[in-house]
Amino acid sequence: MSRAVRDLVRGLDRAALATNLPGEAGGWPYASLVLVAADHDLSPILLLSDLAEHAKAIAADDRVSLLFDGTHGLDQPLTGPRVTLVGLVAKARAV
């Protein structure tokens, strides 16, 4: 992973979380704003409420994507830094 990607993920405290809402015909895409931190290996850490729609969606389908958007304030945001991470959600174990 490039240094620019690492710096972007570590430098932002929020991201857009995309999940698949359970339901008819495979569900619908659902995006929401979440607060995020990065673990030492750059794995995203999310604090999610079981009451939130995205938590219900993750319980049914653990595939997600996170969009980190570093384009705030740019005149041409489509030329700015952003990265989407895709993966599976896993609950952290208490230590």
PDB file of N, CA and C in Angstrom:
ATOM      1  N   MET A   1       0.854  -1.167   0.000  1.00  0.00           N
ATOM      2  CA  MET A   1       0.000   0.000   0.000  1.00  0.00           C
ATOM      3  C   MET A   1       0.902   1.232   0.000  1.00  0.00           C
ATOM      4  N   SER A   2       0.531   2.213  -0.777  1.00  0.00           N
ATOM      5  CA  SER A   2       1.374   3.394  -0.911  1.00  0.00           C
ATOM      6  C   SER A   2       1.326   4.270   0.344  1.00  0.00           C
ATOM      7  N   ARG A   3       2.360   5.061   0.503  1.00  0.00           N
ATOM      8  CA  ARG A   3       2.428   5.992   1.638  1.00  0.00           C
ATOM      9  C   ARG A   3       1.276   6.989   1.582  1.00  0.00           C
ATOM     10  N   ALA A   4       0.897   7.431   0.388  1.00  0.00           N
ATOM     11  CA  ALA A   4      -0.198   8.387   0.245  1.00  0.00           C
ATOM     12  C   ALA A   4      -1.507   7.801   0.777  1.00  0.00           C
ATOM     13  N   VAL A   5      -1.750   6.531   0.501  1.00  0.00           N
ATOM     14  CA  VAL A   5      -2.958   5.864   1.001  1.00  0.00           C
ATOM     15  C   VAL A   5      -2.900   5.757   2.518  1.00  0.00           C
ATOM     16  N   ARG A   6      -1.772   5.321   3.050  1.00  0.00           N
ATOM     17  CA  ARG A   6      -1.622   5.214   4.509  1.00  0.00           C
ATOM     18  C   ARG A   6      -1.837   6.562   5.181  1.00  0.00           C
ATOM     19  N   ASP A   7      -1.240   7.615   4.630  1.00  0.00           N
ATOM     20  CA  ASP A   7      -1.387   8.946   5.216  1.00  0.00           C
ATOM     21  C   ASP A   7      -2.832   9.424   5.162  1.00  0.00           C
ATOM     22  N   LEU A   8      -3.525   9.136   4.073  1.00  0.00           N
ATOM     23  CA  LEU A   8      -4.919   9.555   3.939  1.00  0.00           C
ATOM     24  C   LEU A   8      -5.797   8.842   4.962  1.00  0.00           C
ATOM     25  N   VAL A   9      -5.677   7.532   5.067  1.00  0.00           N
ATOM     26  CA  VAL A   9      -6.495   6.758   5.998  1.00  0.00           C
ATOM     27  C   VAL A   9      -6.201   7.171   7.436  1.00  0.00           C
ATOM     28  N   ARG A  10      -4.934   7.319   7.776  1.00  0.00           N
ATOM     29  CA  ARG A  10      -4.569   7.713   9.138  1.00  0.00           C
ATOM     30  C   ARG A  10      -4.938   9.162   9.449  1.00  0.00           C
ATOM     31  N   GLY A  11      -5.033  10.001   8.428  1.00  0.00           N
ATOM     32  CA  GLY A  11      -5.296  11.426   8.628  1.00  0.00           C
ATOM     33  C   GLY A  11      -6.763  11.803   8.720  1.00  0.00           C
ATOM     34  N   LEU A  12      -7.657  10.871   8.447  1.00  0.00           N
ATOM     35  CA  LEU A  12      -9.088  11.177   8.474  1.00  0.00           C
ATOM     36  C   LEU A  12      -9.758  10.455   9.635  1.00  0.00           C
ATOM     37  N   ASP A  13     -10.769  11.092  10.209  1.00  0.00           N
ATOM     38  CA  ASP A  13     -11.482  10.479  11.329  1.00  0.00           C
ATOM     39  C   ASP A  13     -12.883  10.020  10.963  1.00  0.00           C
ATOM     40  N   ARG A  14     -13.227  10.138   9.678  1.00  0.00           N
ATOM     41  CA  ARG A  14     -14.545   9.691   9.225  1.00  0.00           C
ATOM     42  C   ARG A  14     -14.458   9.145   7.807  1.00  0.00           C
ATOM     43  N   ALA A  15     -15.436   8.319   7.474  1.00  0.00           N
ATOM     44  CA  ALA A  15     -15.484   7.715   6.147  1.00  0.00           C
ATOM     45  C   ALA A  15     -16.936   7.391   5.822  1.00  0.00           C
ATOM     46  N   ALA A  16     -17.206   7.137   4.559  1.00  0.00           N
ATOM     47  CA  ALA A  16     -18.523   6.672   4.137  1.00  0.00           C
ATOM     48  C   ALA A  16     -18.488   5.149   4.128  1.00  0.00           C
ATOM     49  N   LEU A  17     -19.374   4.548   4.895  1.00  0.00           N
ATOM     50  CA  LEU A  17     -19.487   3.092   4.988  1.00  0.00           C
ATOM     51  C   LEU A  17     -20.618   2.639   4.078  1.00  0.00           C
ATOM     52  N   ALA A  18     -20.329   1.739   3.159  1.00  0.00           N
ATOM     53  CA  ALA A  18     -21.348   1.200   2.261  1.00  0.00           C
ATOM     54  C   ALA A  18     -21.599  -0.262   2.615  1.00  0.00           C
ATOM     55  N   THR A  19     -22.872  -0.580   2.802  1.00  0.00           N
ATOM     56  CA  THR A  19     -23.290  -1.941   3.127  1.00  0.00           C
ATOM     57  C   THR A  19     -24.410  -2.336   2.176  1.00  0.00           C
ATOM     58  N   ASN A  20     -24.874  -3.562   2.323  1.00  0.00           N
ATOM     59  CA  ASN A  20     -25.962  -4.073   1.504  1.00  0.00           C
ATOM     60  C   ASN A  20     -27.148  -4.339   2.422  1.00  0.00           C
ATOM     61  N   LEU A  21     -28.191  -3.515   2.331  1.00  0.00           N
ATOM     62  CA  LEU A  21     -29.356  -3.711   3.177  1.00  0.00           C
ATOM     63  C   LEU A  21     -30.024  -5.035   2.853  1.00  0.00           C
ATOM     64  N   PRO A  22     -30.351  -5.817   3.879  1.00  0.00           N
ATOM     65  CA  PRO A  22     -31.029  -7.090   3.616  1.00  0.00           C
ATOM     66  C   PRO A  22     -32.442  -6.839   3.110  1.00  0.00           C
ATOM     67  N   GLY A  23     -32.924  -7.766   2.330  1.00  0.00           N
ATOM     68  CA  GLY A  23     -34.294  -7.621   1.844  1.00  0.00           C
ATOM     69  C   GLY A  23     -34.485  -8.253   0.496  1.00  0.00           C
ATOM     70  N   GLU A  24     -35.489  -7.762  -0.173  1.00  0.00           N
ATOM     71  CA  GLU A  24     -35.895  -8.330  -1.457  1.00  0.00           C
ATOM     72  C   GLU A  24     -34.813  -8.217  -2.522  1.00  0.00           C
ATOM     73  N   ALA A  25     -34.726  -9.185  -3.347  1.00  0.00           N
ATOM     74  CA  ALA A  25     -33.825  -9.202  -4.510  1.00  0.00           C
ATOM     75  C   ALA A  25     -32.380  -8.884  -4.137  1.00  0.00           C
ATOM     76  N   GLY A  26     -31.917  -9.428  -3.024  1.00  0.00           N
ATOM     77  CA  GLY A  26     -30.515  -9.221  -2.673  1.00  0.00           C
ATOM     78  C   GLY A  26     -30.228  -7.934  -1.943  1.00  0.00           C
ATOM     79  N   GLY A  27     -31.230  -7.145  -1.660  1.00  0.00           N
ATOM     80  CA  GLY A  27     -31.017  -5.919  -0.891  1.00  0.00           C
ATOM     81  C   GLY A  27     -30.652  -4.727  -1.748  1.00  0.00           C
ATOM     82  N   TRP A  28     -30.454  -3.629  -1.070  1.00  0.00           N
ATOM     83  CA  TRP A  28     -30.110  -2.359  -1.718  1.00  0.00           C
ATOM     84  C   TRP A  28     -28.817  -1.829  -1.113  1.00  0.00           C
ATOM     85  N   PRO A  29     -28.034  -1.094  -1.884  1.00  0.00           N
ATOM     86  CA  PRO A  29     -26.840  -0.465  -1.319  1.00  0.00           C
ATOM     87  C   PRO A  29     -27.251   0.607  -0.322  1.00  0.00           C
ATOM     88  N   TYR A  30     -26.439   0.764   0.725  1.00  0.00           N
ATOM     89  CA  TYR A  30     -26.734   1.742   1.763  1.00  0.00           C
ATOM     90  C   TYR A  30     -25.418   2.355   2.217  1.00  0.00           C
ATOM     91  N   ALA A  31     -25.320   3.672   2.160  1.00  0.00           N
ATOM     92  CA  ALA A  31     -24.106   4.372   2.590  1.00  0.00           C
ATOM     93  C   ALA A  31     -24.422   5.242   3.796  1.00  0.00           C
ATOM     94  N   SER A  32     -23.491   5.286   4.725  1.00  0.00           N
ATOM     95  CA  SER A  32     -23.671   6.117   5.912  1.00  0.00           C
ATOM     96  C   SER A  32     -22.313   6.649   6.354  1.00  0.00           C
ATOM     97  N   LEU A  33     -22.348   7.718   7.118  1.00  0.00           N
ATOM     98  CA  LEU A  33     -21.134   8.322   7.646  1.00  0.00           C
ATOM     99  C   LEU A  33     -20.764   7.654   8.955  1.00  0.00           C
ATOM    100  N   VAL A  34     -19.501   7.263   9.099  1.00  0.00           N
ATOM    101  CA  VAL A  34     -19.031   6.647  10.341  1.00  0.00           C
ATOM    102  C   VAL A  34     -17.722   7.299  10.769  1.00  0.00           C
ATOM    103  N   LEU A  35     -17.489   7.278  12.075  1.00  0.00           N
ATOM    104  CA  LEU A  35     -16.199   7.698  12.603  1.00  0.00           C
ATOM    105  C   LEU A  35     -15.273   6.494  12.564  1.00  0.00           C
ATOM    106  N   VAL A  36     -14.015   6.734  12.247  1.00  0.00           N
ATOM    107  CA  VAL A  36     -13.090   5.623  12.024  1.00  0.00           C
ATOM    108  C   VAL A  36     -11.704   5.965  12.569  1.00  0.00           C
ATOM    109  N   ALA A  37     -11.010   4.948  12.999  1.00  0.00           N
ATOM    110  CA  ALA A  37      -9.605   5.040  13.368  1.00  0.00           C
ATOM    111  C   ALA A  37      -8.885   3.920  12.625  1.00  0.00           C
ATOM    112  N   ALA A  38      -7.571   3.984  12.602  1.00  0.00           N
ATOM    113  CA  ALA A  38      -6.795   2.951  11.918  1.00  0.00           C
ATOM    114  C   ALA A  38      -5.926   2.213  12.928  1.00  0.00           C
ATOM    115  N   ASP A  39      -5.955   0.889  12.846  1.00  0.00           N
ATOM    116  CA  ASP A  39      -5.108   0.050  13.689  1.00  0.00           C
ATOM    117  C   ASP A  39      -3.669   0.128  13.169  1.00  0.00           C
ATOM    118  N   HIS A  40      -2.739  -0.476  13.887  1.00  0.00           N
ATOM    119  CA  HIS A  40      -1.320  -0.424  13.513  1.00  0.00           C
ATOM    120  C   HIS A  40      -1.065  -0.974  12.119  1.00  0.00           C
ATOM    121  N   ASP A  41      -1.891  -1.935  11.678  1.00  0.00           N
ATOM    122  CA  ASP A  41      -1.724  -2.513  10.339  1.00  0.00           C
ATOM    123  C   ASP A  41      -2.611  -1.838   9.296  1.00  0.00           C
ATOM    124  N   LEU A  42      -3.205  -0.706   9.649  1.00  0.00           N
ATOM    125  CA  LEU A  42      -4.087   0.119   8.824  1.00  0.00           C
ATOM    126  C   LEU A  42      -5.512  -0.438   8.715  1.00  0.00           C
ATOM    127  N   SER A  43      -5.816  -1.506   9.440  1.00  0.00           N
ATOM    128  CA  SER A  43      -7.192  -2.010   9.455  1.00  0.00           C
ATOM    129  C   SER A  43      -8.090  -0.950  10.068  1.00  0.00           C
ATOM    130  N   PRO A  44      -9.211  -0.642   9.417  1.00  0.00           N
ATOM    131  CA  PRO A  44     -10.129   0.352   9.977  1.00  0.00           C
ATOM    132  C   PRO A  44     -10.787  -0.169  11.257  1.00  0.00           C
ATOM    133  N   ILE A  45     -10.951   0.709  12.213  1.00  0.00           N
ATOM    134  CA  ILE A  45     -11.652   0.397  13.452  1.00  0.00           C
ATOM    135  C   ILE A  45     -12.883   1.285  13.504  1.00  0.00           C
ATOM    136  N   LEU A  46     -14.060   0.653  13.609  1.00  0.00           N
ATOM    137  CA  LEU A  46     -15.331   1.376  13.639  1.00  0.00           C
ATOM    138  C   LEU A  46     -16.051   1.067  14.944  1.00  0.00           C
ATOM    139  N   LEU A  47     -16.686   2.053  15.523  1.00  0.00           N
ATOM    140  CA  LEU A  47     -17.535   1.842  16.684  1.00  0.00           C
ATOM    141  C   LEU A  47     -18.970   1.956  16.181  1.00  0.00           C
ATOM    142  N   LEU A  48     -19.671   0.820  16.124  1.00  0.00           N
ATOM    143  CA  LEU A  48     -21.004   0.781  15.535  1.00  0.00           C
ATOM    144  C   LEU A  48     -22.031   0.361  16.570  1.00  0.00           C
ATOM    145  N   SER A  49     -23.187   0.999  16.538  1.00  0.00           N
ATOM    146  CA  SER A  49     -24.293   0.636  17.403  1.00  0.00           C
ATOM    147  C   SER A  49     -25.111  -0.476  16.751  1.00  0.00           C
ATOM    148  N   ASP A  50     -25.541  -1.439  17.543  1.00  0.00           N
ATOM    149  CA  ASP A  50     -26.397  -2.502  17.011  1.00  0.00           C
ATOM    150  C   ASP A  50     -27.752  -1.964  16.557  1.00  0.00           C
ATOM    151  N   LEU A  51     -28.103  -0.751  16.946  1.00  0.00           N
ATOM    152  CA  LEU A  51     -29.383  -0.151  16.554  1.00  0.00           C
ATOM    153  C   LEU A  51     -29.329   0.501  15.174  1.00  0.00           C
ATOM    154  N   ALA A  52     -28.130   0.758  14.657  1.00  0.00           N
ATOM    155  CA  ALA A  52     -27.979   1.453  13.382  1.00  0.00           C
ATOM    156  C   ALA A  52     -28.316   0.540  12.204  1.00  0.00           C
ATOM    157  N   GLU A  53     -28.814   1.143  11.141  1.00  0.00           N
ATOM    158  CA  GLU A  53     -29.156   0.373   9.933  1.00  0.00           C
ATOM    159  C   GLU A  53     -27.934  -0.339   9.370  1.00  0.00           C
ATOM    160  N   HIS A  54     -26.774   0.335   9.388  1.00  0.00           N
ATOM    161  CA  HIS A  54     -25.593  -0.328   8.822  1.00  0.00           C
ATOM    162  C   HIS A  54     -25.181  -1.544   9.658  1.00  0.00           C
ATOM    163  N   ALA A  55     -25.395  -1.510  10.963  1.00  0.00           N
ATOM    164  CA  ALA A  55     -25.069  -2.684  11.795  1.00  0.00           C
ATOM    165  C   ALA A  55     -25.992  -3.856  11.468  1.00  0.00           C
ATOM    166  N   LYS A  56     -27.255  -3.559  11.228  1.00  0.00           N
ATOM    167  CA  LYS A  56     -28.205  -4.613  10.839  1.00  0.00           C
ATOM    168  C   LYS A  56     -27.818  -5.206   9.488  1.00  0.00           C
ATOM    169  N   ALA A  57     -27.391  -4.337   8.581  1.00  0.00           N
ATOM    170  CA  ALA A  57     -26.980  -4.808   7.259  1.00  0.00           C
ATOM    171  C   ALA A  57     -25.730  -5.689   7.368  1.00  0.00           C
ATOM    172  N   ILE A  58     -24.775  -5.287   8.206  1.00  0.00           N
ATOM    173  CA  ILE A  58     -23.544  -6.059   8.382  1.00  0.00           C
ATOM    174  C   ILE A  58     -23.841  -7.423   9.006  1.00  0.00           C
ATOM    175  N   ALA A  59     -24.826  -7.475   9.906  1.00  0.00           N
ATOM    176  CA  ALA A  59     -25.196  -8.753  10.524  1.00  0.00           C
ATOM    177  C   ALA A  59     -25.699  -9.746   9.476  1.00  0.00           C
ATOM    178  N   ALA A  60     -26.322  -9.225   8.416  1.00  0.00           N
ATOM    179  CA  ALA A  60     -26.845 -10.078   7.350  1.00  0.00           C
ATOM    180  C   ALA A  60     -25.811 -10.365   6.263  1.00  0.00           C
ATOM    181  N   ASP A  61     -24.886  -9.425   6.051  1.00  0.00           N
ATOM    182  CA  ASP A  61     -23.878  -9.550   4.990  1.00  0.00           C
ATOM    183  C   ASP A  61     -22.666  -8.741   5.434  1.00  0.00           C
ATOM    184  N   ASP A  62     -21.576  -9.406   5.749  1.00  0.00           N
ATOM    185  CA  ASP A  62     -20.423  -8.709   6.342  1.00  0.00           C
ATOM    186  C   ASP A  62     -19.500  -8.038   5.329  1.00  0.00           C
ATOM    187  N   ARG A  63     -19.880  -8.029   4.051  1.00  0.00           N
ATOM    188  CA  ARG A  63     -19.086  -7.337   3.029  1.00  0.00           C
ATOM    189  C   ARG A  63     -19.391  -5.841   3.081  1.00  0.00           C
ATOM    190  N   VAL A  64     -18.333  -5.019   3.120  1.00  0.00           N
ATOM    191  CA  VAL A  64     -18.503  -3.570   3.195  1.00  0.00           C
ATOM    192  C   VAL A  64     -17.434  -2.879   2.360  1.00  0.00           C
ATOM    193  N   SER A  65     -17.640  -1.598   2.147  1.00  0.00           N
ATOM    194  CA  SER A  65     -16.581  -0.744   1.620  1.00  0.00           C
ATOM    195  C   SER A  65     -16.580   0.549   2.415  1.00  0.00           C
ATOM    196  N   LEU A  66     -15.403   1.145   2.531  1.00  0.00           N
ATOM    197  CA  LEU A  66     -15.220   2.414   3.224  1.00  0.00           C
ATOM    198  C   LEU A  66     -14.556   3.389   2.265  1.00  0.00           C
ATOM    199  N   LEU A  67     -15.177   4.548   2.077  1.00  0.00           N
ATOM    200  CA  LEU A  67     -14.594   5.597   1.242  1.00  0.00           C
ATOM    201  C   LEU A  67     -13.998   6.661   2.146  1.00  0.00           C
ATOM    202  N   PHE A  68     -12.683   6.836   2.052  1.00  0.00           N
ATOM    203  CA  PHE A  68     -11.976   7.901   2.752  1.00  0.00           C
ATOM    204  C   PHE A  68     -11.796   9.045   1.759  1.00  0.00           C
ATOM    205  N   ASP A  69     -12.349  10.201   2.080  1.00  0.00           N
ATOM    206  CA  ASP A  69     -12.397  11.338   1.166  1.00  0.00           C
ATOM    207  C   ASP A  69     -11.545  12.488   1.700  1.00  0.00           C
ATOM    208  N   GLY A  70     -10.437  12.751   1.030  1.00  0.00           N
ATOM    209  CA  GLY A  70      -9.554  13.836   1.428  1.00  0.00           C
ATOM    210  C   GLY A  70      -9.668  15.044   0.526  1.00  0.00           C
ATOM    211  N   THR A  71     -10.830  15.259  -0.067  1.00  0.00           N
ATOM    212  CA  THR A  71     -10.986  16.314  -1.064  1.00  0.00           C
ATOM    213  C   THR A  71     -11.619  17.598  -0.520  1.00  0.00           C
ATOM    214  N   HIS A  72     -11.877  17.653   0.782  1.00  0.00           N
ATOM    215  CA  HIS A  72     -12.543  18.821   1.369  1.00  0.00           C
ATOM    216  C   HIS A  72     -11.792  20.116   1.033  1.00  0.00           C
ATOM    217  N   GLY A  73     -12.545  21.093   0.549  1.00  0.00           N
ATOM    218  CA  GLY A  73     -11.993  22.412   0.271  1.00  0.00           C
ATOM    219  C   GLY A  73     -11.299  22.571  -1.063  1.00  0.00           C
ATOM    220  N   LEU A  74     -11.199  21.520  -1.837  1.00  0.00           N
ATOM    221  CA  LEU A  74     -10.546  21.632  -3.138  1.00  0.00           C
ATOM    222  C   LEU A  74     -11.495  22.211  -4.176  1.00  0.00           C
ATOM    223  N   ASP A  75     -10.972  23.044  -5.072  1.00  0.00           N
ATOM    224  CA  ASP A  75     -11.793  23.597  -6.151  1.00  0.00           C
ATOM    225  C   ASP A  75     -12.251  22.511  -7.113  1.00  0.00           C
ATOM    226  N   GLN A  76     -11.414  21.502  -7.312  1.00  0.00           N
ATOM    227  CA  GLN A  76     -11.744  20.381  -8.193  1.00  0.00           C
ATOM    228  C   GLN A  76     -11.620  19.082  -7.392  1.00  0.00           C
ATOM    229  N   PRO A  77     -12.664  18.742  -6.629  1.00  0.00           N
ATOM    230  CA  PRO A  77     -12.558  17.603  -5.728  1.00  0.00           C
ATOM    231  C   PRO A  77     -12.291  16.268  -6.419  1.00  0.00           C
ATOM    232  N   LEU A  78     -12.675  16.116  -7.667  1.00  0.00           N
ATOM    233  CA  LEU A  78     -12.452  14.836  -8.348  1.00  0.00           C
ATOM    234  C   LEU A  78     -10.982  14.592  -8.663  1.00  0.00           C
ATOM    235  N   THR A  79     -10.141  15.598  -8.448  1.00  0.00           N
ATOM    236  CA  THR A  79      -8.704  15.408  -8.642  1.00  0.00           C
ATOM    237  C   THR A  79      -7.995  15.205  -7.307  1.00  0.00           C
ATOM    238  N   GLY A  80      -8.727  15.232  -6.213  1.00  0.00           N
ATOM    239  CA  GLY A  80      -8.137  15.138  -4.882  1.00  0.00           C
ATOM    240  C   GLY A  80      -7.971  13.707  -4.400  1.00  0.00           C
ATOM    241  N   PRO A  81      -7.332  13.567  -3.241  1.00  0.00           N
ATOM    242  CA  PRO A  81      -7.059  12.226  -2.708  1.00  0.00           C
ATOM    243  C   PRO A  81      -8.292  11.559  -2.115  1.00  0.00           C
ATOM    244  N   ARG A  82      -8.461  10.307  -2.435  1.00  0.00           N
ATOM    245  CA  ARG A  82      -9.539   9.496  -1.872  1.00  0.00           C
ATOM    246  C   ARG A  82      -9.169   8.041  -2.118  1.00  0.00           C
ATOM    247  N   VAL A  83      -9.670   7.181  -1.252  1.00  0.00           N
ATOM    248  CA  VAL A  83      -9.408   5.754  -1.428  1.00  0.00           C
ATOM    249  C   VAL A  83     -10.599   4.986  -0.879  1.00  0.00           C
ATOM    250  N   THR A  84     -10.942   3.904  -1.543  1.00  0.00           N
ATOM    251  CA  THR A  84     -11.987   3.002  -1.072  1.00  0.00           C
ATOM    252  C   THR A  84     -11.343   1.689  -0.665  1.00  0.00           C
ATOM    253  N   LEU A  85     -11.642   1.275   0.563  1.00  0.00           N
ATOM    254  CA  LEU A  85     -11.185  -0.021   1.056  1.00  0.00           C
ATOM    255  C   LEU A  85     -12.374  -0.967   1.068  1.00  0.00           C
ATOM    256  N   VAL A  86     -12.193  -2.190   0.644  1.00  0.00           N
ATOM    257  CA  VAL A  86     -13.252  -3.197   0.665  1.00  0.00           C
ATOM    258  C   VAL A  86     -12.797  -4.365   1.526  1.00  0.00           C
ATOM    259  N   GLY A  87     -13.749  -4.986   2.189  1.00  0.00           N
ATOM    260  CA  GLY A  87     -13.395  -6.124   3.014  1.00  0.00           C
ATOM    261  C   GLY A  87     -14.568  -6.659   3.800  1.00  0.00           C
ATOM    262  N   LEU A  88     -14.256  -7.497   4.758  1.00  0.00           N
ATOM    263  CA  LEU A  88     -15.251  -8.128   5.612  1.00  0.00           C
ATOM    264  C   LEU A  88     -15.148  -7.556   7.024  1.00  0.00           C
ATOM    265  N   VAL A  89     -16.272  -7.346   7.659  1.00  0.00           N
ATOM    266  CA  VAL A  89     -16.298  -6.819   9.026  1.00  0.00           C
ATOM    267  C   VAL A  89     -16.170  -7.974  10.009  1.00  0.00           C
ATOM    268  N   ALA A  90     -15.370  -7.772  11.028  1.00  0.00           N
ATOM    269  CA  ALA A  90     -15.235  -8.730  12.113  1.00  0.00           C
ATOM    270  C   ALA A  90     -15.285  -7.977  13.427  1.00  0.00           C
ATOM    271  N   LYS A  91     -15.992  -8.538  14.406  1.00  0.00           N
ATOM    272  CA  LYS A  91     -16.045  -7.905  15.720  1.00  0.00           C
ATOM    273  C   LYS A  91     -14.699  -8.058  16.397  1.00  0.00           C
ATOM    274  N   ALA A  92     -14.281  -6.995  17.048  1.00  0.00           N
ATOM    275  CA  ALA A  92     -13.030  -7.053  17.821  1.00  0.00           C
ATOM    276  C   ALA A  92     -13.294  -7.813  19.111  1.00  0.00           C
ATOM    277  N   ARG A  93     -12.298  -8.564  19.524  1.00  0.00           N
ATOM    278  CA  ARG A  93     -12.412  -9.299  20.784  1.00  0.00           C
ATOM    279  C   ARG A  93     -11.841  -8.456  21.906  1.00  0.00           C
ATOM    280  N   ALA A  94     -12.480  -8.500  23.030  1.00  0.00           N
ATOM    281  CA  ALA A  94     -11.981  -7.779  24.204  1.00  0.00           C
ATOM    282  C   ALA A  94     -10.706  -8.445  24.692  1.00  0.00           C
ATOM    283  N   VAL A  95      -9.780  -7.629  25.139  1.00  0.00           N
ATOM    284  CA  VAL A  95      -8.522  -8.182  25.650  1.00  0.00           C
ATOM    285  C   VAL A  95      -8.436  -8.024  27.158  1.00  0.00           C
TER     286      VAL A  95
END
